[in-house]
C-alpha atoms as a PDB file:
ATOM      1  CA  MET A   1     -27.070  46.224 118.671  1.00  0.00           C
ATOM      2  CA  LYS A   2     -26.694  43.371 121.169  1.00  0.00           C
ATOM      3  CA  LYS A   3     -26.513  40.851 118.320  1.00  0.00           C
ATOM      4  CA  ARG A   4     -23.842  42.953 116.576  1.00  0.00           C
ATOM      5  CA  PHE A   5     -21.811  43.060 119.772  1.00  0.00           C
ATOM      6  CA  ILE A   6     -22.023  39.280 120.244  1.00  0.00           C
ATOM      7  CA  LEU A   7     -21.096  38.729 116.585  1.00  0.00           C
ATOM      8  CA  CYS A   8     -18.066  41.006 116.958  1.00  0.00           C
ATOM      9  CA  MET A   9     -16.896  39.050 119.995  1.00  0.00           C
ATOM     10  CA  ALA A  10     -17.404  35.758 118.161  1.00  0.00           C
ATOM     11  CA  LEU A  11     -15.265  36.953 115.245  1.00  0.00           C
ATOM     12  CA  LEU A  12     -12.533  38.096 117.622  1.00  0.00           C
ATOM     13  CA  SER A  13     -12.632  34.674 119.306  1.00  0.00           C
ATOM     14  CA  VAL A  14     -12.135  32.935 115.965  1.00  0.00           C
ATOM     15  CA  MET A  15      -9.175  35.198 115.241  1.00  0.00           C
ATOM     16  CA  LEU A  16      -7.720  34.422 118.655  1.00  0.00           C
ATOM     17  CA  LEU A  17      -7.956  30.665 118.104  1.00  0.00           C
ATOM     18  CA  SER A  18      -6.376  30.831 114.652  1.00  0.00           C
ATOM     19  CA  PRO A  19      -2.745  29.582 114.782  1.00  0.00           C
ATOM     20  CA  ASN A  20       0.072  31.923 113.821  1.00  0.00           C
ATOM     21  CA  TYR A  21       3.698  30.896 114.088  1.00  0.00           C
ATOM     22  CA  ILE A  22       5.515  33.919 112.679  1.00  0.00           C
ATOM     23  CA  PHE A  23       7.778  35.812 115.039  1.00  0.00           C
ATOM     24  CA  GLY A  24       6.678  39.395 115.546  1.00  0.00           C
ATOM     25  CA  MET A  25       7.906  42.808 116.553  1.00  0.00           C
ATOM     26  CA  HIS A  26       7.901  42.242 120.314  1.00  0.00           C
ATOM     27  CA  ILE A  27      11.573  42.228 121.275  1.00  0.00           C
ATOM     28  CA  MET A  28      12.385  38.532 121.417  1.00  0.00           C
ATOM     29  CA  GLU A  29      14.033  36.585 124.204  1.00  0.00           C
ATOM     30  CA  GLY A  30      17.750  37.242 124.595  1.00  0.00           C
ATOM     31  CA  PHE A  31      17.838  40.120 122.093  1.00  0.00           C
ATOM     32  CA  LEU A  32      18.595  42.745 124.750  1.00  0.00           C
ATOM     33  CA  PRO A  33      21.783  42.811 126.848  1.00  0.00           C
ATOM     34  CA  VAL A  34      21.153  42.029 130.519  1.00  0.00           C
ATOM     35  CA  GLY A  35      21.750  45.642 131.574  1.00  0.00           C
ATOM     36  CA  TRP A  36      19.125  47.022 129.236  1.00  0.00           C
ATOM     37  CA  ALA A  37      16.672  44.262 130.122  1.00  0.00           C
ATOM     38  CA  ILE A  38      16.982  45.146 133.812  1.00  0.00           C
ATOM     39  CA  PHE A  39      16.773  48.875 133.096  1.00  0.00           C
ATOM     40  CA  TRP A  40      13.457  48.650 131.198  1.00  0.00           C
ATOM     41  CA  THR A  41      12.032  46.320 133.834  1.00  0.00           C
ATOM     42  CA  VAL A  42      12.839  48.820 136.593  1.00  0.00           C
ATOM     43  CA  VAL A  43      11.390  51.701 134.566  1.00  0.00           C
ATOM     44  CA  SER A  44       8.159  49.808 133.852  1.00  0.00           C
ATOM     45  CA  LEU A  45       7.554  48.478 137.364  1.00  0.00           C
ATOM     46  CA  PRO A  46       6.178  51.707 138.950  1.00  0.00           C
ATOM     47  CA  PHE A  47       3.602  52.078 136.168  1.00  0.00           C
ATOM     48  CA  VAL A  48       2.426  48.498 136.698  1.00  0.00           C
ATOM     49  CA  VAL A  49       2.074  49.080 140.451  1.00  0.00           C
ATOM     50  CA  MET A  50       0.110  52.312 139.880  1.00  0.00           C
ATOM     51  CA  GLY A  51      -1.995  50.506 137.293  1.00  0.00           C
ATOM     52  CA  ILE A  52      -2.937  47.790 139.780  1.00  0.00           C
ATOM     53  CA  ARG A  53      -4.017  50.429 142.293  1.00  0.00           C
ATOM     54  CA  THR A  54      -6.064  52.277 139.667  1.00  0.00           C
ATOM     55  CA  ILE A  55      -7.781  49.074 138.569  1.00  0.00           C
ATOM     56  CA  SER A  56      -8.585  48.160 142.168  1.00  0.00           C
ATOM     57  CA  LYS A  57     -10.218  51.548 142.770  1.00  0.00           C
ATOM     58  CA  THR A  58     -12.174  51.316 139.508  1.00  0.00           C
ATOM     59  CA  PHE A  59     -13.498  47.830 140.263  1.00  0.00           C
ATOM     60  CA  ASN A  60     -14.422  48.736 143.844  1.00  0.00           C
ATOM     61  CA  LYS A  61     -16.398  51.709 142.562  1.00  0.00           C
ATOM     62  CA  ASN A  62     -18.003  49.875 139.646  1.00  0.00           C
ATOM     63  CA  PRO A  63     -17.702  46.040 139.619  1.00  0.00           C
ATOM     64  CA  ASN A  64     -19.400  45.940 136.201  1.00  0.00           C
ATOM     65  CA  GLN A  65     -16.179  47.256 134.665  1.00  0.00           C
ATOM     66  CA  LYS A  66     -14.429  43.928 135.257  1.00  0.00           C
ATOM     67  CA  LEU A  67     -16.009  42.392 132.173  1.00  0.00           C
ATOM     68  CA  LEU A  68     -15.115  45.409 130.056  1.00  0.00           C
ATOM     69  CA  PHE A  69     -11.517  45.320 131.235  1.00  0.00           C
ATOM     70  CA  ALA A  70     -11.342  41.616 130.352  1.00  0.00           C
ATOM     71  CA  LEU A  71     -12.727  42.454 126.911  1.00  0.00           C
ATOM     72  CA  VAL A  72     -10.145  45.201 126.416  1.00  0.00           C
ATOM     73  CA  THR A  73      -7.338  42.828 127.453  1.00  0.00           C
ATOM     74  CA  ALA A  74      -8.596  40.201 124.986  1.00  0.00           C
ATOM     75  CA  PHE A  75      -8.708  42.885 122.280  1.00  0.00           C
ATOM     76  CA  VAL A  76      -5.059  43.759 122.985  1.00  0.00           C
ATOM     77  CA  PHE A  77      -4.084  40.082 122.963  1.00  0.00           C
ATOM     78  CA  ILE A  78      -5.740  39.452 119.618  1.00  0.00           C
ATOM     79  CA  LEU A  79      -4.453  42.511 117.787  1.00  0.00           C
ATOM     80  CA  SER A  80      -0.893  42.252 119.078  1.00  0.00           C
ATOM     81  CA  ALA A  81      -0.808  38.570 118.070  1.00  0.00           C
ATOM     82  CA  LEU A  82      -1.747  39.351 114.449  1.00  0.00           C
ATOM     83  CA  LYS A  83       1.650  39.555 112.815  1.00  0.00           C
ATOM     84  CA  MET A  84       1.985  40.920 109.281  1.00  0.00           C
ATOM     85  CA  PRO A  85       5.064  40.286 107.089  1.00  0.00           C
ATOM     86  CA  SER A  86       7.322  43.321 106.788  1.00  0.00           C
ATOM     87  CA  VAL A  87      10.588  43.920 104.935  1.00  0.00           C
ATOM     88  CA  THR A  88      13.852  42.020 105.532  1.00  0.00           C
ATOM     89  CA  GLY A  89      11.929  39.032 106.923  1.00  0.00           C
ATOM     90  CA  SER A  90      10.611  40.894 109.965  1.00  0.00           C
ATOM     91  CA  THR A  91       6.960  41.370 110.942  1.00  0.00           C
ATOM     92  CA  SER A  92       4.712  44.131 112.274  1.00  0.00           C
ATOM     93  CA  HIS A  93       1.446  44.033 114.201  1.00  0.00           C
ATOM     94  CA  PRO A  94      -1.185  46.331 115.731  1.00  0.00           C
ATOM     95  CA  THR A  95      -1.193  46.850 119.504  1.00  0.00           C
ATOM     96  CA  GLY A  96      -4.803  47.452 120.568  1.00  0.00           C
ATOM     97  CA  THR A  97      -3.785  49.373 123.686  1.00  0.00           C
ATOM     98  CA  GLY A  98      -5.101  52.717 122.462  1.00  0.00           C
ATOM     99  CA  LEU A  99      -8.735  51.657 122.853  1.00  0.00           C
ATOM    100  CA  GLY A 100      -8.132  50.483 126.402  1.00  0.00           C
ATOM    101  CA  ALA A 101      -6.399  53.743 127.290  1.00  0.00           C
ATOM    102  CA  ILE A 102      -9.431  55.664 126.054  1.00  0.00           C
ATOM    103  CA  LEU A 103     -11.832  53.551 128.104  1.00  0.00           C
ATOM    104  CA  PHE A 104      -9.848  53.135 131.326  1.00  0.00           C
ATOM    105  CA  GLY A 105      -6.951  55.584 131.170  1.00  0.00           C
ATOM    106  CA  PRO A 106      -3.287  54.752 130.492  1.00  0.00           C
ATOM    107  CA  LEU A 107      -2.226  53.224 133.833  1.00  0.00           C
ATOM    108  CA  PRO A 108      -4.537  50.159 133.761  1.00  0.00           C
ATOM    109  CA  MET A 109      -3.154  49.310 130.332  1.00  0.00           C
ATOM    110  CA  ALA A 110       0.261  48.698 131.906  1.00  0.00           C
ATOM    111  CA  VAL A 111      -1.346  45.791 133.768  1.00  0.00           C
ATOM    112  CA  SER A 112      -3.370  44.642 130.774  1.00  0.00           C
ATOM    113  CA  GLY A 113      -0.279  44.789 128.551  1.00  0.00           C
ATOM    114  CA  LEU A 114       1.806  42.902 131.094  1.00  0.00           C
ATOM    115  CA  ILE A 115      -0.745  40.079 131.178  1.00  0.00           C
ATOM    116  CA  VAL A 116      -0.936  39.953 127.388  1.00  0.00           C
ATOM    117  CA  LEU A 117       2.824  40.046 126.832  1.00  0.00           C
ATOM    118  CA  LEU A 118       3.460  37.417 129.497  1.00  0.00           C
ATOM    119  CA  PHE A 119       0.976  34.967 127.981  1.00  0.00           C
ATOM    120  CA  GLN A 120       2.242  35.642 124.459  1.00  0.00           C
ATOM    121  CA  ALA A 121       5.825  34.997 125.554  1.00  0.00           C
ATOM    122  CA  LEU A 122       4.887  31.745 127.287  1.00  0.00           C
ATOM    123  CA  LEU A 123       2.292  30.377 124.862  1.00  0.00           C
ATOM    124  CA  LEU A 124       3.161  31.853 121.450  1.00  0.00           C
ATOM    125  CA  ALA A 125       6.937  32.412 121.686  1.00  0.00           C
ATOM    126  CA  HIS A 126       6.088  36.030 120.845  1.00  0.00           C
ATOM    127  CA  GLY A 127       8.403  38.311 122.809  1.00  0.00           C
ATOM    128  CA  GLY A 128      10.285  37.001 125.825  1.00  0.00           C
ATOM    129  CA  ILE A 129      10.588  36.933 129.595  1.00  0.00           C
ATOM    130  CA  SER A 130      13.894  38.793 129.824  1.00  0.00           C
ATOM    131  CA  THR A 131      12.565  41.452 127.423  1.00  0.00           C
ATOM    132  CA  LEU A 132       9.178  41.692 129.132  1.00  0.00           C
ATOM    133  CA  GLY A 133       9.986  45.024 130.791  1.00  0.00           C
ATOM    134  CA  ALA A 134      11.059  46.615 127.509  1.00  0.00           C
ATOM    135  CA  ASN A 135       7.978  45.351 125.674  1.00  0.00           C
ATOM    136  CA  VAL A 136       5.679  46.538 128.468  1.00  0.00           C
ATOM    137  CA  PHE A 137       7.268  49.994 128.403  1.00  0.00           C
ATOM    138  CA  SER A 138       6.797  50.476 124.657  1.00  0.00           C
ATOM    139  CA  MET A 139       3.430  48.795 124.077  1.00  0.00           C
ATOM    140  CA  ALA A 140       1.672  49.073 127.439  1.00  0.00           C
ATOM    141  CA  ILE A 141       2.980  52.352 128.872  1.00  0.00           C
ATOM    142  CA  VAL A 142       4.183  54.878 126.290  1.00  0.00           C
ATOM    143  CA  GLY A 143       1.676  53.857 123.606  1.00  0.00           C
ATOM    144  CA  PRO A 144      -1.367  54.113 125.929  1.00  0.00           C
ATOM    145  CA  PHE A 145      -0.224  57.475 127.331  1.00  0.00           C
ATOM    146  CA  ALA A 146       0.140  58.849 123.806  1.00  0.00           C
ATOM    147  CA  ALA A 147      -3.296  57.514 122.869  1.00  0.00           C
ATOM    148  CA  TYR A 148      -4.951  58.811 126.041  1.00  0.00           C
ATOM    149  CA  PHE A 149      -3.688  62.375 125.763  1.00  0.00           C
ATOM    150  CA  THR A 150      -4.478  62.475 122.038  1.00  0.00           C
ATOM    151  CA  TYR A 151      -8.069  61.462 122.786  1.00  0.00           C
ATOM    152  CA  LYS A 152      -8.405  63.936 125.655  1.00  0.00           C
ATOM    153  CA  LEU A 153      -7.122  66.734 123.429  1.00  0.00           C
ATOM    154  CA  LEU A 154      -9.430  66.032 120.482  1.00  0.00           C
ATOM    155  CA  LYS A 155     -12.598  64.453 121.905  1.00  0.00           C
ATOM    156  CA  SER A 156     -14.422  67.780 122.257  1.00  0.00           C
ATOM    157  CA  THR A 157     -14.162  68.408 118.508  1.00  0.00           C
ATOM    158  CA  ASN A 158     -14.992  65.006 116.999  1.00  0.00           C
ATOM    159  CA  LYS A 159     -15.105  61.908 119.215  1.00  0.00           C
ATOM    160  CA  LYS A 160     -14.788  59.352 116.409  1.00  0.00           C
ATOM    161  CA  LEU A 161     -11.842  61.182 114.901  1.00  0.00           C
ATOM    162  CA  ALA A 162     -10.289  61.418 118.359  1.00  0.00           C
ATOM    163  CA  VAL A 163     -10.585  57.641 118.856  1.00  0.00           C
ATOM    164  CA  PHE A 164      -9.117  56.980 115.415  1.00  0.00           C
ATOM    165  CA  LEU A 165      -6.124  59.272 115.877  1.00  0.00           C
ATOM    166  CA  ALA A 166      -5.535  58.111 119.455  1.00  0.00           C
ATOM    167  CA  ALA A 167      -5.407  54.432 118.485  1.00  0.00           C
ATOM    168  CA  ALA A 168      -3.287  55.081 115.384  1.00  0.00           C
ATOM    169  CA  LEU A 169      -0.833  57.348 117.192  1.00  0.00           C
ATOM    170  CA  GLY A 170      -0.567  54.939 120.134  1.00  0.00           C
ATOM    171  CA  ASP A 171       0.414  52.220 117.663  1.00  0.00           C
ATOM    172  CA  LEU A 172       3.023  54.364 115.901  1.00  0.00           C
ATOM    173  CA  VAL A 173       4.543  55.680 119.131  1.00  0.00           C
ATOM    174  CA  THR A 174       4.917  52.101 120.377  1.00  0.00           C
ATOM    175  CA  TYR A 175       7.062  51.230 117.391  1.00  0.00           C
ATOM    176  CA  MET A 176       9.080  54.405 117.648  1.00  0.00           C
ATOM    177  CA  VAL A 177       9.924  53.569 121.269  1.00  0.00           C
ATOM    178  CA  THR A 178      10.728  49.966 120.362  1.00  0.00           C
ATOM    179  CA  SER A 179      13.085  51.217 117.669  1.00  0.00           C
ATOM    180  CA  VAL A 180      14.796  53.471 120.216  1.00  0.00           C
ATOM    181  CA  GLN A 181      15.159  50.533 122.615  1.00  0.00           C
ATOM    182  CA  LEU A 182      16.734  48.377 119.923  1.00  0.00           C
ATOM    183  CA  ALA A 183      19.003  51.171 118.723  1.00  0.00           C
ATOM    184  CA  LEU A 184      20.294  51.834 122.247  1.00  0.00           C
ATOM    185  CA  ALA A 185      21.003  48.147 122.768  1.00  0.00           C
ATOM    186  CA  HIS A 186      22.510  47.581 119.319  1.00  0.00           C
ATOM    187  CA  PRO A 187      24.137  50.776 117.986  1.00  0.00           C
ATOM    188  CA  ASP A 188      25.532  50.693 114.477  1.00  0.00           C
ATOM    189  CA  ALA A 189      29.259  50.068 114.325  1.00  0.00           C
ATOM    190  CA  VAL A 190      29.793  53.096 112.089  1.00  0.00           C
ATOM    191  CA  SER A 191      26.958  55.577 112.670  1.00  0.00           C
ATOM    192  CA  GLY A 192      26.159  54.698 116.273  1.00  0.00           C
ATOM    193  CA  VAL A 193      22.727  54.898 117.911  1.00  0.00           C
ATOM    194  CA  MET A 194      21.238  57.344 115.399  1.00  0.00           C
ATOM    195  CA  GLY A 195      22.275  55.213 112.453  1.00  0.00           C
ATOM    196  CA  SER A 196      20.803  52.129 114.058  1.00  0.00           C
ATOM    197  CA  LEU A 197      17.604  54.020 114.949  1.00  0.00           C
ATOM    198  CA  THR A 198      17.164  55.156 111.360  1.00  0.00           C
ATOM    199  CA  LYS A 199      17.474  51.579 110.160  1.00  0.00           C
ATOM    200  CA  PHE A 200      14.958  50.184 112.648  1.00  0.00           C
ATOM    201  CA  LEU A 201      12.424  52.935 111.954  1.00  0.00           C
ATOM    202  CA  SER A 202      12.705  52.533 108.199  1.00  0.00           C
ATOM    203  CA  ILE A 203      12.285  48.755 108.387  1.00  0.00           C
ATOM    204  CA  PHE A 204       8.892  48.931 110.069  1.00  0.00           C
ATOM    205  CA  ALA A 205       7.555  52.143 108.540  1.00  0.00           C
ATOM    206  CA  VAL A 206       6.493  50.312 105.360  1.00  0.00           C
ATOM    207  CA  THR A 207       3.908  48.146 107.112  1.00  0.00           C
ATOM    208  CA  GLN A 208       3.349  49.910 110.429  1.00  0.00           C
ATOM    209  CA  ILE A 209       1.745  53.061 109.027  1.00  0.00           C
ATOM    210  CA  PRO A 210      -1.023  51.116 107.192  1.00  0.00           C
ATOM    211  CA  LEU A 211      -1.481  48.925 110.276  1.00  0.00           C
ATOM    212  CA  ALA A 212      -1.861  51.994 112.484  1.00  0.00           C
ATOM    213  CA  ILE A 213      -4.566  53.319 110.166  1.00  0.00           C
ATOM    214  CA  ALA A 214      -6.354  49.959 110.203  1.00  0.00           C
ATOM    215  CA  GLU A 215      -6.136  49.802 113.999  1.00  0.00           C
ATOM    216  CA  GLY A 216      -7.606  53.289 114.242  1.00  0.00           C
ATOM    217  CA  ILE A 217     -10.605  52.312 112.096  1.00  0.00           C
ATOM    218  CA  LEU A 218     -11.184  49.063 114.015  1.00  0.00           C
ATOM    219  CA  SER A 219     -10.915  50.889 117.347  1.00  0.00           C
ATOM    220  CA  VAL A 220     -13.637  53.342 116.279  1.00  0.00           C
ATOM    221  CA  ILE A 221     -15.947  50.453 115.355  1.00  0.00           C
ATOM    222  CA  VAL A 222     -15.378  48.573 118.616  1.00  0.00           C
ATOM    223  CA  PHE A 223     -15.616  51.796 120.631  1.00  0.00           C
ATOM    224  CA  GLU A 224     -19.044  52.547 119.160  1.00  0.00           C
ATOM    225  CA  LEU A 225     -20.207  48.972 119.798  1.00  0.00           C
ATOM    226  CA  ILE A 226     -19.126  49.138 123.438  1.00  0.00           C
ATOM    227  CA  VAL A 227     -20.692  52.545 124.044  1.00  0.00           C
ATOM    228  CA  ASN A 228     -24.025  51.573 122.467  1.00  0.00           C
ATOM    229  CA  TYR A 229     -24.089  48.206 124.201  1.00  0.00           C
ATOM    230  CA  GLN A 230     -23.472  49.748 127.608  1.00  0.00           C
ATOM    231  CA  LYS A 231     -26.116  52.394 126.997  1.00  0.00           C
ATOM    232  CA  GLU A 232     -28.631  49.645 126.255  1.00  0.00           C
ATOM    233  CA  GLY A 233     -27.601  47.906 129.479  1.00  0.00           C
ATOM    234  CA  GLY A 234     -27.844  51.091 131.519  1.00  0.00           C
ATOM    235  CA  TYR A 235     -24.156  51.207 132.411  1.00  0.00           C
ATOM    236  CA  GLN A 236     -21.860  54.208 132.376  1.00  0.00           C
ATOM    237  CA  LEU A 237     -18.331  54.578 131.052  1.00  0.00           C
ATOM    238  CA  GLU A 238     -16.918  57.322 133.214  1.00  0.00           C
ATOM    239  CA  ARG A 239     -13.766  57.760 131.121  1.00  0.00           C
ATOM    240  CA  ILE A 240     -15.625  58.601 127.915  1.00  0.00           C
ATOM    241  CA  ASN A 241     -18.680  60.542 129.145  1.00  0.00           C
END
């Protein structure tokens, strides 16, 4: 099992180092009016602050969780950097935040997502600094909360199914929120916000639904690897036991 875990991490590292220059679904720099950019930043800030406090308490109680949190953050970075061509020249990508929400809860993922989105904006031109608050809200706050509560609701029936649905739903909810953000900032000239929302949702539905399913399957695999690896090492994952 240890060899399988190391092999999985090696494959993820290769994926991370593979270049990709296509612009993705993160809302790009300058695409939101200043007012909306400030609004989403203000809305996201309290969750980031609470996430930092939660992480601090978790690490003080169990320092061994630092490595796992770093692994989860790398997982989010890799998946959200894998951009797949969609319709009308746009792209879609998984998020990876659902797995982290299952392992640590939703609040720490606000911090993890902030780190990921900041580095992607600076190093990969994926997203932007002015739109950082909006991207954090959709991918690192709403998505993880949806994934977390889905897992909590279903884990007593079938844990693997709960992980799958949590990760998939967290992915889909992220894109629904992103579509709402874009529709509010850029309403259709004729049909208004609802018309614009319908267009944004339809654009990404073609590729995002299969990606959500794929992310759910991958999250189950990685979840099982982490659980088995930590059992072999004698560690405990309080969030999933």
